[in-house]
């Protein structure tokens, strides 16, 4: 698997412009705000979502100002959701660094998330990017619904595979799908092209989230820069566990659910992981992630050959094979 830096090499000039524009757009005349936003910029991860916007623009004609605004809009929204997620999850770490809420407490973290959302709204409105705003607003709605469904189901420990896919379609795939569509929208309003980008983003997003959920069972905290076992501690049933429970007797299901309800010790967590592995939950979830990755690749291959199409295909491989 290629490292992400090599995969995004063709995007290097465009990505440099994007990062400069993104940093400039976040500048304010409020010292505390500037300090926190500067910290957020230093925390930046792989920035796959804005990269997907720019790659989608390249697939449909090339980079223009509208594509850069779309990439900024997607990154603003994504960053806002991460800040809010850390508050909701009471997470102290983000990308191996202290989270915003850990350093500045929940109230400021929530306000920073709100501020980032408002800057995204203004960017779209000030430039009359109403179609982009409509797409992203729909994504925010789906993300909120996905998170709320997950919270509701975690209380009852009764998430089915069908509900799981509805959750991850909302909380993760919707934003990735929207980013791909927005990138295409910077050059075309052809409904077939936009639908193809939307569907490939959805498939990629589902593969991305399944892989993310697998980290609870196949890695350690130092590798991924955030607490492991968080899903089990929060009683979130993800695909490996849902599949394992489906392969089990009623007696086994009752025993594991009781263990999940009280799991606080490392030994209890390890027992749940052992159960999932014994029932081949990890193998099943991995297989499903690769199936969705292949669906994304099929859509990407409908576009004319180019170095950008190759990068897009490599990103799909990176997403399903990454270790953090």
Protein backbone atom coordinates (compact mmCIF):
# COMPACT_ATOMS: atom_id res chain seq x y z
CA UNK A 1 0.00 0.00 0.00
CA UNK A 2 1.33 3.44 -0.95
CA UNK A 3 1.67 6.05 1.82
CA UNK A 4 -0.89 8.84 1.60
CA UNK A 5 1.87 11.39 0.80
CA UNK A 6 2.74 9.45 -2.38
CA UNK A 7 -0.91 8.97 -3.31
CA UNK A 8 -1.60 12.69 -3.15
CA UNK A 9 1.59 13.69 -5.00
CA UNK A 10 -0.31 14.72 -8.19
CA UNK A 11 -2.43 17.02 -6.01
CA UNK A 12 0.55 18.69 -4.33
CA UNK A 13 0.34 22.10 -6.07
CA UNK A 14 -3.45 22.28 -5.62
CA UNK A 15 -3.27 21.03 -2.05
CA UNK A 16 -0.72 23.68 -1.15
CA UNK A 17 -3.09 26.37 -2.45
CA UNK A 18 -5.99 24.78 -0.56
CA UNK A 19 -4.05 24.73 2.73
CA UNK A 20 -3.00 28.36 2.31
CA UNK A 21 -6.58 29.42 1.52
CA UNK A 22 -7.92 27.38 4.44
CA UNK A 23 -5.44 28.94 6.90
CA UNK A 24 -6.14 32.45 5.57
CA UNK A 25 -9.87 31.93 5.86
CA UNK A 26 -9.54 30.96 9.53
CA UNK A 27 -7.68 34.15 10.52
CA UNK A 28 -9.60 36.41 12.91
CA UNK A 29 -8.99 39.49 15.04
CA UNK A 30 -9.89 37.67 18.27
CA UNK A 31 -6.75 36.46 20.13
CA UNK A 32 -8.31 33.44 21.89
CA UNK A 33 -10.05 32.34 18.71
CA UNK A 34 -6.82 32.69 16.71
CA UNK A 35 -4.93 30.67 19.30
CA UNK A 36 -7.41 27.78 19.20
CA UNK A 37 -7.78 27.83 15.41
CA UNK A 38 -3.99 27.81 15.04
CA UNK A 39 -3.93 24.73 17.30
CA UNK A 40 -6.57 23.09 15.09
CA UNK A 41 -4.45 23.76 11.99
CA UNK A 42 -1.46 22.10 13.67
CA UNK A 43 -3.69 19.12 14.52
CA UNK A 44 -4.63 18.50 10.91
CA UNK A 45 -4.82 14.86 9.91
CA UNK A 46 -4.54 13.32 6.45
CA UNK A 47 -7.21 15.72 5.09
CA UNK A 48 -8.62 13.00 2.87
CA UNK A 49 -12.01 14.71 2.56
CA UNK A 50 -10.77 17.95 0.92
CA UNK A 51 -8.44 15.80 -1.21
CA UNK A 52 -11.49 13.91 -2.48
CA UNK A 53 -13.17 17.21 -3.39
CA UNK A 54 -10.12 18.25 -5.43
CA UNK A 55 -9.71 14.84 -7.06
CA UNK A 56 -13.41 14.82 -8.03
CA UNK A 57 -12.93 18.27 -9.58
CA UNK A 58 -9.99 16.93 -11.58
CA UNK A 59 -12.07 13.98 -12.80
CA UNK A 60 -14.69 16.37 -14.16
CA UNK A 61 -12.60 19.14 -15.71
CA UNK A 62 -10.00 20.58 -13.35
CA UNK A 63 -9.50 22.84 -10.34
CA UNK A 64 -11.09 26.27 -10.07
CA UNK A 65 -12.02 28.68 -7.28
CA UNK A 66 -15.31 26.90 -6.71
CA UNK A 67 -13.47 23.62 -6.14
CA UNK A 68 -11.19 25.26 -3.56
CA UNK A 69 -14.21 26.76 -1.78
CA UNK A 70 -15.86 23.35 -1.79
CA UNK A 71 -12.76 21.76 -0.25
CA UNK A 72 -12.62 24.47 2.44
CA UNK A 73 -16.34 24.06 3.16
CA UNK A 74 -16.02 20.28 3.58
CA UNK A 75 -12.94 20.61 5.82
CA UNK A 76 -14.66 23.25 7.98
CA UNK A 77 -17.68 21.03 8.46
CA UNK A 78 -15.55 17.95 9.16
CA UNK A 79 -13.39 19.80 11.69
CA UNK A 80 -16.48 21.16 13.45
CA UNK A 81 -17.93 17.68 13.80
CA UNK A 82 -14.65 16.34 15.23
CA UNK A 83 -14.58 19.09 17.85
CA UNK A 84 -18.20 18.40 18.79
CA UNK A 85 -17.64 14.62 18.77
CA UNK A 86 -14.83 14.96 21.29
CA UNK A 87 -17.18 16.84 23.60
CA UNK A 88 -19.93 14.22 23.20
CA UNK A 89 -17.46 11.34 23.68
CA UNK A 90 -15.60 13.14 26.51
CA UNK A 91 -12.42 12.33 24.57
CA UNK A 92 -9.16 13.80 25.84
CA UNK A 93 -7.05 13.02 22.77
CA UNK A 94 -7.35 13.73 19.06
CA UNK A 95 -4.62 12.61 16.62
CA UNK A 96 -2.20 11.92 19.51
CA UNK A 97 -2.65 15.45 20.87
CA UNK A 98 -4.93 16.82 23.60
CA UNK A 99 -8.40 17.57 22.24
CA UNK A 100 -9.88 21.08 22.23
CA UNK A 101 -12.23 20.23 25.10
CA UNK A 102 -9.34 18.79 27.13
CA UNK A 103 -7.37 22.05 26.81
CA UNK A 104 -10.14 24.68 26.83
CA UNK A 105 -13.11 22.78 28.35
CA UNK A 106 -16.44 21.83 26.81
CA UNK A 107 -18.07 25.26 26.56
CA UNK A 108 -15.29 26.71 24.41
CA UNK A 109 -15.06 23.52 22.35
CA UNK A 110 -18.78 23.65 21.52
CA UNK A 111 -18.50 27.33 20.59
CA UNK A 112 -15.48 26.62 18.36
CA UNK A 113 -17.43 23.89 16.58
CA UNK A 114 -20.33 26.29 16.08
CA UNK A 115 -17.94 28.98 14.83
CA UNK A 116 -16.44 26.64 12.22
CA UNK A 117 -19.93 25.68 11.01
CA UNK A 118 -20.92 29.34 10.72
CA UNK A 119 -17.77 30.17 8.73
CA UNK A 120 -18.65 27.38 6.32
CA UNK A 121 -22.18 28.71 5.90
CA UNK A 122 -20.89 32.23 5.25
CA UNK A 123 -18.29 31.03 2.75
CA UNK A 124 -21.00 29.36 0.68
CA UNK A 125 -23.54 32.18 1.00
CA UNK A 126 -21.07 34.99 0.28
CA UNK A 127 -20.03 33.26 -2.95
CA UNK A 128 -23.55 32.16 -3.94
CA UNK A 129 -22.56 28.49 -3.76
CA UNK A 130 -26.13 27.53 -2.96
CA UNK A 131 -25.98 24.06 -4.49
CA UNK A 132 -22.87 23.24 -2.41
CA UNK A 133 -24.62 24.53 0.70
CA UNK A 134 -27.70 22.42 -0.03
CA UNK A 135 -25.58 19.27 -0.42
CA UNK A 136 -23.63 19.92 2.80
CA UNK A 137 -26.77 20.85 4.76
CA UNK A 138 -28.25 17.49 3.79
CA UNK A 139 -25.04 15.83 4.99
CA UNK A 140 -25.23 17.60 8.38
CA UNK A 141 -28.83 16.41 8.76
CA UNK A 142 -27.83 12.81 7.95
CA UNK A 143 -24.80 12.96 10.24
CA UNK A 144 -26.93 14.14 13.16
CA UNK A 145 -29.57 11.48 12.49
CA UNK A 146 -26.89 8.78 12.29
CA UNK A 147 -25.38 9.78 15.62
CA UNK A 148 -28.79 9.98 17.32
CA UNK A 149 -29.82 6.54 16.03
CA UNK A 150 -26.53 5.12 17.32
CA UNK A 151 -27.09 6.65 20.77
CA UNK A 152 -30.64 5.29 20.88
CA UNK A 153 -29.58 1.78 19.86
CA UNK A 154 -26.58 1.71 22.22
CA UNK A 155 -28.92 2.00 25.19
CA UNK A 156 -30.79 -1.11 24.11
CA UNK A 157 -27.82 -3.05 22.65
CA UNK A 158 -30.04 -4.12 19.75
CA UNK A 159 -28.35 -2.68 16.65
CA UNK A 160 -28.95 -4.85 13.58
CA UNK A 161 -26.72 -4.90 10.51
CA UNK A 162 -29.36 -2.95 8.58
CA UNK A 163 -29.48 -0.24 11.24
CA UNK A 164 -25.67 -0.21 11.48
CA UNK A 165 -25.40 0.62 7.78
CA UNK A 166 -27.99 3.36 8.18
CA UNK A 167 -25.91 4.80 11.04
CA UNK A 168 -22.59 4.81 9.17
CA UNK A 169 -24.20 6.06 5.98
CA UNK A 170 -25.31 9.07 8.00
CA UNK A 171 -22.41 9.73 10.36
CA UNK A 172 -19.53 9.11 7.91
CA UNK A 173 -20.47 8.27 4.33
CA UNK A 174 -22.77 11.28 3.88
CA UNK A 175 -19.93 13.81 4.23
CA UNK A 176 -17.51 11.86 2.02
CA UNK A 177 -20.25 11.39 -0.57
CA UNK A 178 -21.10 15.10 -0.42
CA UNK A 179 -17.44 16.05 -0.86
CA UNK A 180 -17.13 13.98 -4.03
CA UNK A 181 -20.36 15.47 -5.41
CA UNK A 182 -19.27 19.02 -4.56
CA UNK A 183 -15.96 18.48 -6.36
CA UNK A 184 -17.81 17.42 -9.49
CA UNK A 185 -20.28 20.28 -9.12
CA UNK A 186 -17.43 22.77 -9.51
CA UNK A 187 -17.29 21.80 -13.19
CA UNK A 188 -20.59 20.20 -14.21
CA UNK A 189 -24.26 19.94 -13.39
CA UNK A 190 -24.70 16.68 -15.32
CA UNK A 191 -26.97 14.62 -13.01
CA UNK A 192 -25.47 11.29 -14.09
CA UNK A 193 -21.92 12.40 -13.37
CA UNK A 194 -22.90 13.88 -10.00
CA UNK A 195 -24.84 10.76 -9.08
CA UNK A 196 -21.84 8.58 -9.94
CA UNK A 197 -19.59 10.71 -7.71
CA UNK A 198 -22.17 10.64 -4.94
CA UNK A 199 -22.46 6.85 -5.06
CA UNK A 200 -18.68 6.27 -5.17
CA UNK A 201 -18.30 8.58 -2.17
CA UNK A 202 -20.99 6.67 -0.32
CA UNK A 203 -19.28 3.32 -0.97
CA UNK A 204 -15.91 4.75 0.03
CA UNK A 205 -17.39 6.29 3.18
CA UNK A 206 -18.93 2.99 4.26
CA UNK A 207 -15.61 1.19 3.70
CA UNK A 208 -13.83 3.95 5.64
CA UNK A 209 -16.10 3.66 8.68
CA UNK A 210 -16.04 -0.13 8.81
CA UNK A 211 -12.24 0.01 8.80
CA UNK A 212 -12.37 2.65 11.52
CA UNK A 213 -14.64 0.44 13.62
CA UNK A 214 -12.22 -2.46 13.23
CA UNK A 215 -9.51 -0.48 15.02
CA UNK A 216 -11.28 -1.30 18.30
CA UNK A 217 -10.23 -4.92 17.79
CA UNK A 218 -7.04 -5.02 15.72
CA UNK A 219 -4.76 -2.24 16.96
CA UNK A 220 -3.60 -0.35 20.03
CA UNK A 221 -4.00 3.19 21.28
CA UNK A 222 -0.47 4.32 20.35
CA UNK A 223 -1.08 3.34 16.71
CA UNK A 224 -4.24 5.36 16.15
CA UNK A 225 -3.80 8.29 18.54
CA UNK A 226 -7.14 7.86 20.31
CA UNK A 227 -8.57 5.57 22.96
CA UNK A 228 -9.29 2.00 21.88
CA UNK A 229 -12.29 0.05 23.11
CA UNK A 230 -14.32 3.26 23.07
CA UNK A 231 -17.14 1.72 21.04
CA UNK A 232 -17.56 -1.12 23.53
CA UNK A 233 -17.31 1.23 26.51
CA UNK A 234 -20.05 3.38 24.96
CA UNK A 235 -22.09 0.27 24.11
CA UNK A 236 -21.93 0.94 20.38
CA UNK A 237 -22.51 -2.23 18.40
CA UNK A 238 -20.37 -2.10 15.27
CA UNK A 239 -20.21 -4.61 12.43
CA UNK A 240 -17.67 -7.10 13.89
CA UNK A 241 -19.73 -7.42 17.09
CA UNK A 242 -23.11 -7.44 15.30
CA UNK A 243 -21.94 -10.31 13.10
CA UNK A 244 -20.46 -12.22 16.06
CA UNK A 245 -23.74 -11.94 17.98
CA UNK A 246 -25.67 -13.14 14.93
CA UNK A 247 -23.55 -16.32 14.90
CA UNK A 248 -24.21 -17.02 18.57
CA UNK A 249 -26.75 -18.86 20.68
CA UNK A 250 -29.23 -16.92 22.82
CA UNK A 251 -27.24 -17.90 25.90
CA UNK A 252 -24.00 -16.54 24.39
CA UNK A 253 -25.73 -13.33 23.31
CA UNK A 254 -27.07 -12.73 26.82
CA UNK A 255 -23.66 -13.37 28.36
CA UNK A 256 -21.81 -11.02 25.98
CA UNK A 257 -24.41 -8.25 26.34
CA UNK A 258 -24.06 -8.45 30.14
CA UNK A 259 -20.30 -8.23 29.73
CA UNK A 260 -20.67 -5.18 27.48
CA UNK A 261 -22.99 -3.49 29.97
CA UNK A 262 -20.45 -3.75 32.78
CA UNK A 263 -17.17 -3.77 30.82
CA UNK A 264 -14.70 -1.49 32.56
CA UNK A 265 -11.69 -3.72 33.15
CA UNK A 266 -9.13 -4.69 30.53
CA UNK A 267 -9.88 -8.38 31.06
CA UNK A 268 -13.57 -7.85 30.27
CA UNK A 269 -12.72 -5.93 27.13
CA UNK A 270 -10.30 -8.67 26.07
CA UNK A 271 -13.00 -11.30 26.60
CA UNK A 272 -15.34 -9.41 24.25
CA UNK A 273 -12.59 -9.06 21.62
CA UNK A 274 -11.78 -12.78 21.91
CA UNK A 275 -15.47 -13.60 21.44
CA UNK A 276 -15.64 -11.43 18.29
CA UNK A 277 -12.53 -13.02 16.83
CA UNK A 278 -13.76 -16.53 17.66
CA UNK A 279 -17.02 -15.82 15.79
CA UNK A 280 -15.03 -14.36 12.84
CA UNK A 281 -16.51 -10.89 13.25
CA UNK A 282 -13.26 -9.19 12.25
CA UNK A 283 -12.94 -11.29 9.08
CA UNK A 284 -16.55 -10.62 8.10
CA UNK A 285 -16.32 -6.85 8.62
CA UNK A 286 -13.05 -6.73 6.68
CA UNK A 287 -14.65 -8.59 3.78
CA UNK A 288 -17.61 -6.19 3.70
CA UNK A 289 -15.29 -3.17 3.78
CA UNK A 290 -13.39 -4.50 0.75
CA UNK A 291 -16.66 -5.15 -1.09
CA UNK A 292 -17.69 -1.52 -0.68
CA UNK A 293 -14.20 -0.39 -1.67
CA UNK A 294 -14.55 -2.36 -4.90
CA UNK A 295 -17.92 -0.69 -5.59
CA UNK A 296 -16.21 2.69 -5.22
CA UNK A 297 -13.44 1.62 -7.63
CA UNK A 298 -15.99 0.52 -10.22
CA UNK A 299 -17.45 4.03 -10.22
CA UNK A 300 -14.03 5.69 -10.38
CA UNK A 301 -13.13 3.61 -13.44
CA UNK A 302 -16.09 5.10 -15.35
CA UNK A 303 -14.08 8.35 -15.61
CA UNK A 304 -11.34 8.84 -18.24
CA UNK A 305 -7.86 7.56 -17.31
CA UNK A 306 -5.59 10.15 -15.64
CA UNK A 307 -3.08 10.48 -12.82
CA UNK A 308 -5.95 11.83 -10.71
CA UNK A 309 -8.09 8.78 -11.37
CA UNK A 310 -5.12 6.63 -10.33
CA UNK A 311 -4.77 8.65 -7.11
CA UNK A 312 -8.48 8.18 -6.42
CA UNK A 313 -8.12 4.41 -6.82
CA UNK A 314 -5.07 4.44 -4.54
CA UNK A 315 -7.00 6.36 -1.88
CA UNK A 316 -9.62 3.61 -1.84
CA UNK A 317 -6.87 1.03 -1.23
CA UNK A 318 -5.38 3.24 1.47
CA UNK A 319 -8.73 3.61 3.24
CA UNK A 320 -9.38 -0.14 3.57
CA UNK A 321 -5.78 -1.08 4.40
CA UNK A 322 -4.78 1.75 6.74
CA UNK A 323 -3.58 0.97 10.25
CA UNK A 324 -4.55 4.30 11.77
